[in-house]
Amino acid sequence: MIALMDEATARGADLIVYPELPLARFFPRWDMENQADVDTWFEREMPNMMARPLFERATGSQ
């Protein structure tokens, strides 16, 4: 993802939208009454450690 971001930036892109964006399912598809179960679908920290390098490159805070 970072290599793709670097390539897009080098080509003059101002906005990058990855193809995975419309495919991600962030919410369960059924009713869940237990809040603890619902909470498992959400990040506890954003960006998390896996996504942090991507966010840092995107914001130039690297």
PDB file of N, CA and C in Angstrom:
ATOM      1  N   MET A   1       0.826  -1.183   0.000  1.00  0.00           N
ATOM      2  CA  MET A   1       0.000   0.000   0.000  1.00  0.00           C
ATOM      3  C   MET A   1       0.876   1.253   0.000  1.00  0.00           C
ATOM      4  N   ILE A   2       1.951   1.211   0.772  1.00  0.00           N
ATOM      5  CA  ILE A   2       2.838   2.370   0.823  1.00  0.00           C
ATOM      6  C   ILE A   2       3.515   2.576  -0.531  1.00  0.00           C
ATOM      7  N   ALA A   3       3.938   1.488  -1.171  1.00  0.00           N
ATOM      8  CA  ALA A   3       4.556   1.609  -2.497  1.00  0.00           C
ATOM      9  C   ALA A   3       3.561   2.193  -3.499  1.00  0.00           C
ATOM     10  N   LEU A   4       2.304   1.760  -3.434  1.00  0.00           N
ATOM     11  CA  LEU A   4       1.278   2.318  -4.317  1.00  0.00           C
ATOM     12  C   LEU A   4       1.053   3.799  -4.026  1.00  0.00           C
ATOM     13  N   MET A   5       1.077   4.171  -2.741  1.00  0.00           N
ATOM     14  CA  MET A   5       0.915   5.568  -2.368  1.00  0.00           C
ATOM     15  C   MET A   5       2.067   6.404  -2.908  1.00  0.00           C
ATOM     16  N   ASP A   6       3.288   5.890  -2.788  1.00  0.00           N
ATOM     17  CA  ASP A   6       4.454   6.606  -3.304  1.00  0.00           C
ATOM     18  C   ASP A   6       4.364   6.787  -4.815  1.00  0.00           C
ATOM     19  N   GLU A   7       3.937   5.741  -5.514  1.00  0.00           N
ATOM     20  CA  GLU A   7       3.809   5.820  -6.969  1.00  0.00           C
ATOM     21  C   GLU A   7       2.750   6.849  -7.374  1.00  0.00           C
ATOM     22  N   ALA A   8       1.619   6.820  -6.698  1.00  0.00           N
ATOM     23  CA  ALA A   8       0.547   7.776  -7.006  1.00  0.00           C
ATOM     24  C   ALA A   8       0.996   9.208  -6.736  1.00  0.00           C
ATOM     25  N   THR A   9       1.708   9.411  -5.641  1.00  0.00           N
ATOM     26  CA  THR A   9       2.216  10.738  -5.314  1.00  0.00           C
ATOM     27  C   THR A   9       3.203  11.214  -6.381  1.00  0.00           C
ATOM     28  N   ALA A  10       4.077  10.315  -6.814  1.00  0.00           N
ATOM     29  CA  ALA A  10       5.053  10.659  -7.852  1.00  0.00           C
ATOM     30  C   ALA A  10       4.372  11.036  -9.159  1.00  0.00           C
ATOM     31  N   ARG A  11       3.182  10.499  -9.395  1.00  0.00           N
ATOM     32  CA  ARG A  11       2.430  10.818 -10.612  1.00  0.00           C
ATOM     33  C   ARG A  11       1.527  12.037 -10.441  1.00  0.00           C
ATOM     34  N   GLY A  12       1.570  12.653  -9.256  1.00  0.00           N
ATOM     35  CA  GLY A  12       0.820  13.881  -9.025  1.00  0.00           C
ATOM     36  C   GLY A  12      -0.560  13.714  -8.427  1.00  0.00           C
ATOM     37  N   ALA A  13      -0.860  12.551  -7.857  1.00  0.00           N
ATOM     38  CA  ALA A  13      -2.180  12.323  -7.270  1.00  0.00           C
ATOM     39  C   ALA A  13      -2.389  13.184  -6.026  1.00  0.00           C
ATOM     40  N   ASP A  14      -3.585  13.739  -5.893  1.00  0.00           N
ATOM     41  CA  ASP A  14      -3.967  14.482  -4.691  1.00  0.00           C
ATOM     42  C   ASP A  14      -4.839  13.635  -3.773  1.00  0.00           C
ATOM     43  N   LEU A  15      -5.472  12.613  -4.326  1.00  0.00           N
ATOM     44  CA  LEU A  15      -6.372  11.749  -3.570  1.00  0.00           C
ATOM     45  C   LEU A  15      -6.153  10.317  -4.022  1.00  0.00           C
ATOM     46  N   ILE A  16      -6.034   9.417  -3.070  1.00  0.00           N
ATOM     47  CA  ILE A  16      -5.853   7.999  -3.378  1.00  0.00           C
ATOM     48  C   ILE A  16      -6.994   7.221  -2.741  1.00  0.00           C
ATOM     49  N   VAL A  17      -7.675   6.415  -3.534  1.00  0.00           N
ATOM     50  CA  VAL A  17      -8.736   5.548  -3.033  1.00  0.00           C
ATOM     51  C   VAL A  17      -8.382   4.127  -3.454  1.00  0.00           C
ATOM     52  N   TYR A  18      -8.152   3.282  -2.490  1.00  0.00           N
ATOM     53  CA  TYR A  18      -7.785   1.900  -2.781  1.00  0.00           C
ATOM     54  C   TYR A  18      -9.031   1.091  -3.138  1.00  0.00           C
ATOM     55  N   PRO A  19      -8.898   0.095  -4.017  1.00  0.00           N
ATOM     56  CA  PRO A  19     -10.064  -0.675  -4.461  1.00  0.00           C
ATOM     57  C   PRO A  19     -10.744  -1.451  -3.337  1.00  0.00           C
ATOM     58  N   GLU A  20     -10.038  -1.712  -2.250  1.00  0.00           N
ATOM     59  CA  GLU A  20     -10.633  -2.453  -1.138  1.00  0.00           C
ATOM     60  C   GLU A  20     -11.684  -1.639  -0.402  1.00  0.00           C
ATOM     61  N   LEU A  21     -11.654  -0.339  -0.553  1.00  0.00           N
ATOM     62  CA  LEU A  21     -12.543   0.540   0.208  1.00  0.00           C
ATOM     63  C   LEU A  21     -14.020   0.143   0.102  1.00  0.00           C
ATOM     64  N   PRO A  22     -14.573  -0.064  -1.092  1.00  0.00           N
ATOM     65  CA  PRO A  22     -15.996  -0.398  -1.154  1.00  0.00           C
ATOM     66  C   PRO A  22     -16.298  -1.839  -0.760  1.00  0.00           C
ATOM     67  N   LEU A  23     -15.284  -2.672  -0.604  1.00  0.00           N
ATOM     68  CA  LEU A  23     -15.515  -4.081  -0.297  1.00  0.00           C
ATOM     69  C   LEU A  23     -15.489  -4.395   1.191  1.00  0.00           C
ATOM     70  N   ALA A  24     -14.957  -3.461   1.987  1.00  0.00           N
ATOM     71  CA  ALA A  24     -14.807  -3.725   3.420  1.00  0.00           C
ATOM     72  C   ALA A  24     -16.165  -3.715   4.120  1.00  0.00           C
ATOM     73  N   ARG A  25     -16.418  -4.755   4.900  1.00  0.00           N
ATOM     74  CA  ARG A  25     -17.638  -4.803   5.711  1.00  0.00           C
ATOM     75  C   ARG A  25     -17.266  -4.421   7.124  1.00  0.00           C
ATOM     76  N   PHE A  26     -17.753  -3.285   7.571  1.00  0.00           N
ATOM     77  CA  PHE A  26     -17.402  -2.809   8.892  1.00  0.00           C
ATOM     78  C   PHE A  26     -18.437  -3.175   9.945  1.00  0.00           C
ATOM     79  N   PHE A  27     -19.622  -3.546   9.525  1.00  0.00           N
ATOM     80  CA  PHE A  27     -20.689  -3.787  10.482  1.00  0.00           C
ATOM     81  C   PHE A  27     -21.272  -5.174  10.285  1.00  0.00           C
ATOM     82  N   PRO A  28     -21.680  -5.796  11.355  1.00  0.00           N
ATOM     83  CA  PRO A  28     -22.321  -7.112  11.214  1.00  0.00           C
ATOM     84  C   PRO A  28     -23.634  -6.987  10.446  1.00  0.00           C
ATOM     85  N   ARG A  29     -24.050  -8.058   9.863  1.00  0.00           N
ATOM     86  CA  ARG A  29     -25.271  -8.045   9.047  1.00  0.00           C
ATOM     87  C   ARG A  29     -26.486  -8.581   9.796  1.00  0.00           C
ATOM     88  N   TRP A  30     -26.386  -8.658  11.081  1.00  0.00           N
ATOM     89  CA  TRP A  30     -27.503  -9.128  11.885  1.00  0.00           C
ATOM     90  C   TRP A  30     -27.547  -8.337  13.185  1.00  0.00           C
ATOM     91  N   ASP A  31     -28.669  -8.364  13.836  1.00  0.00           N
ATOM     92  CA  ASP A  31     -28.851  -7.631  15.084  1.00  0.00           C
ATOM     93  C   ASP A  31     -28.068  -8.309  16.201  1.00  0.00           C
ATOM     94  N   MET A  32     -27.322  -7.515  16.936  1.00  0.00           N
ATOM     95  CA  MET A  32     -26.548  -8.036  18.059  1.00  0.00           C
ATOM     96  C   MET A  32     -26.943  -7.249  19.300  1.00  0.00           C
ATOM     97  N   GLU A  33     -27.435  -7.930  20.302  1.00  0.00           N
ATOM     98  CA  GLU A  33     -27.927  -7.260  21.509  1.00  0.00           C
ATOM     99  C   GLU A  33     -26.837  -7.036  22.549  1.00  0.00           C
ATOM    100  N   ASN A  34     -25.803  -7.855  22.541  1.00  0.00           N
ATOM    101  CA  ASN A  34     -24.736  -7.749  23.529  1.00  0.00           C
ATOM    102  C   ASN A  34     -23.707  -6.721  23.045  1.00  0.00           C
ATOM    103  N   GLN A  35     -23.554  -5.612  23.763  1.00  0.00           N
ATOM    104  CA  GLN A  35     -22.643  -4.543  23.350  1.00  0.00           C
ATOM    105  C   GLN A  35     -21.198  -5.030  23.247  1.00  0.00           C
ATOM    106  N   ALA A  36     -20.805  -5.964  24.092  1.00  0.00           N
ATOM    107  CA  ALA A  36     -19.438  -6.499  24.031  1.00  0.00           C
ATOM    108  C   ALA A  36     -19.195  -7.196  22.693  1.00  0.00           C
ATOM    109  N   ASP A  37     -20.196  -7.886  22.183  1.00  0.00           N
ATOM    110  CA  ASP A  37     -20.080  -8.529  20.871  1.00  0.00           C
ATOM    111  C   ASP A  37     -19.962  -7.482  19.770  1.00  0.00           C
ATOM    112  N   VAL A  38     -20.734  -6.424  19.866  1.00  0.00           N
ATOM    113  CA  VAL A  38     -20.690  -5.344  18.875  1.00  0.00           C
ATOM    114  C   VAL A  38     -19.311  -4.692  18.881  1.00  0.00           C
ATOM    115  N   ASP A  39     -18.759  -4.471  20.057  1.00  0.00           N
ATOM    116  CA  ASP A  39     -17.472  -3.793  20.187  1.00  0.00           C
ATOM    117  C   ASP A  39     -16.325  -4.545  19.524  1.00  0.00           C
ATOM    118  N   THR A  40     -16.461  -5.855  19.350  1.00  0.00           N
ATOM    119  CA  THR A  40     -15.383  -6.620  18.712  1.00  0.00           C
ATOM    120  C   THR A  40     -15.205  -6.244  17.250  1.00  0.00           C
ATOM    121  N   TRP A  41     -16.172  -5.584  16.641  1.00  0.00           N
ATOM    122  CA  TRP A  41     -16.088  -5.193  15.230  1.00  0.00           C
ATOM    123  C   TRP A  41     -15.313  -3.893  15.034  1.00  0.00           C
ATOM    124  N   PHE A  42     -14.991  -3.187  16.096  1.00  0.00           N
ATOM    125  CA  PHE A  42     -14.378  -1.871  15.978  1.00  0.00           C
ATOM    126  C   PHE A  42     -12.951  -1.863  16.505  1.00  0.00           C
ATOM    127  N   GLU A  43     -12.118  -1.035  15.909  1.00  0.00           N
ATOM    128  CA  GLU A  43     -10.742  -0.861  16.372  1.00  0.00           C
ATOM    129  C   GLU A  43     -10.751  -0.201  17.743  1.00  0.00           C
ATOM    130  N   ARG A  44      -9.833  -0.572  18.562  1.00  0.00           N
ATOM    131  CA  ARG A  44      -9.689   0.068  19.868  1.00  0.00           C
ATOM    132  C   ARG A  44      -8.747   1.259  19.770  1.00  0.00           C
ATOM    133  N   GLU A  45      -7.961   1.294  18.735  1.00  0.00           N
ATOM    134  CA  GLU A  45      -6.973   2.344  18.538  1.00  0.00           C
ATOM    135  C   GLU A  45      -6.904   2.632  17.040  1.00  0.00           C
ATOM    136  N   MET A  46      -6.835   3.896  16.673  1.00  0.00           N
ATOM    137  CA  MET A  46      -6.759   4.223  15.254  1.00  0.00           C
ATOM    138  C   MET A  46      -5.754   5.316  15.035  1.00  0.00           C
ATOM    139  N   PRO A  47      -4.797   5.125  14.196  1.00  0.00           N
ATOM    140  CA  PRO A  47      -4.573   3.878  13.462  1.00  0.00           C
ATOM    141  C   PRO A  47      -3.923   2.824  14.355  1.00  0.00           C
ATOM    142  N   ASN A  48      -4.231   1.568  14.070  1.00  0.00           N
ATOM    143  CA  ASN A  48      -3.617   0.493  14.843  1.00  0.00           C
ATOM    144  C   ASN A  48      -2.179   0.300  14.362  1.00  0.00           C
ATOM    145  N   MET A  49      -1.432  -0.562  14.995  1.00  0.00           N
ATOM    146  CA  MET A  49      -0.014  -0.726  14.673  1.00  0.00           C
ATOM    147  C   MET A  49       0.212  -1.183  13.234  1.00  0.00           C
ATOM    148  N   MET A  50      -0.697  -1.980  12.675  1.00  0.00           N
ATOM    149  CA  MET A  50      -0.532  -2.432  11.296  1.00  0.00           C
ATOM    150  C   MET A  50      -0.753  -1.293  10.309  1.00  0.00           C
ATOM    151  N   ALA A  51      -1.684  -0.406  10.591  1.00  0.00           N
ATOM    152  CA  ALA A  51      -2.014   0.677   9.669  1.00  0.00           C
ATOM    153  C   ALA A  51      -1.203   1.944   9.911  1.00  0.00           C
ATOM    154  N   ARG A  52      -0.529   2.041  11.044  1.00  0.00           N
ATOM    155  CA  ARG A  52       0.190   3.270  11.402  1.00  0.00           C
ATOM    156  C   ARG A  52       1.181   3.723  10.325  1.00  0.00           C
ATOM    157  N   PRO A  53       2.016   2.834   9.743  1.00  0.00           N
ATOM    158  CA  PRO A  53       2.952   3.304   8.717  1.00  0.00           C
ATOM    159  C   PRO A  53       2.243   3.935   7.513  1.00  0.00           C
ATOM    160  N   LEU A  54       1.115   3.402   7.134  1.00  0.00           N
ATOM    161  CA  LEU A  54       0.351   3.957   6.019  1.00  0.00           C
ATOM    162  C   LEU A  54      -0.173   5.352   6.361  1.00  0.00           C
ATOM    163  N   PHE A  55      -0.690   5.519   7.561  1.00  0.00           N
ATOM    164  CA  PHE A  55      -1.194   6.822   7.998  1.00  0.00           C
ATOM    165  C   PHE A  55      -0.058   7.830   8.105  1.00  0.00           C
ATOM    166  N   GLU A  56       1.085   7.390   8.612  1.00  0.00           N
ATOM    167  CA  GLU A  56       2.225   8.291   8.745  1.00  0.00           C
ATOM    168  C   GLU A  56       2.716   8.764   7.382  1.00  0.00           C
ATOM    169  N   ARG A  57       2.762   7.863   6.407  1.00  0.00           N
ATOM    170  CA  ARG A  57       3.189   8.251   5.071  1.00  0.00           C
ATOM    171  C   ARG A  57       2.179   9.197   4.442  1.00  0.00           C
ATOM    172  N   ALA A  58       0.904   8.925   4.655  1.00  0.00           N
ATOM    173  CA  ALA A  58      -0.153   9.761   4.063  1.00  0.00           C
ATOM    174  C   ALA A  58      -0.145  11.181   4.622  1.00  0.00           C
ATOM    175  N   THR A  59       0.211  11.316   5.885  1.00  0.00           N
ATOM    176  CA  THR A  59       0.198  12.644   6.501  1.00  0.00           C
ATOM    177  C   THR A  59       1.553  13.327   6.478  1.00  0.00           C
ATOM    178  N   GLY A  60       2.579  12.613   6.019  1.00  0.00           N
ATOM    179  CA  GLY A  60       3.905  13.188   5.961  1.00  0.00           C
ATOM    180  C   GLY A  60       4.577  13.305   7.313  1.00  0.00           C
ATOM    181  N   SER A  61       4.062  12.577   8.306  1.00  0.00           N
ATOM    182  CA  SER A  61       4.623  12.654   9.671  1.00  0.00           C
ATOM    183  C   SER A  61       5.650  11.580   9.935  1.00  0.00           C
ATOM    184  N   GLN A  62       6.171  11.008   8.906  1.00  0.00           N
ATOM    185  CA  GLN A  62       7.094   9.883   9.029  1.00  0.00           C
ATOM    186  C   GLN A  62       8.450  10.348   9.449  1.00  0.00           C
TER     187      GLN A  62
END
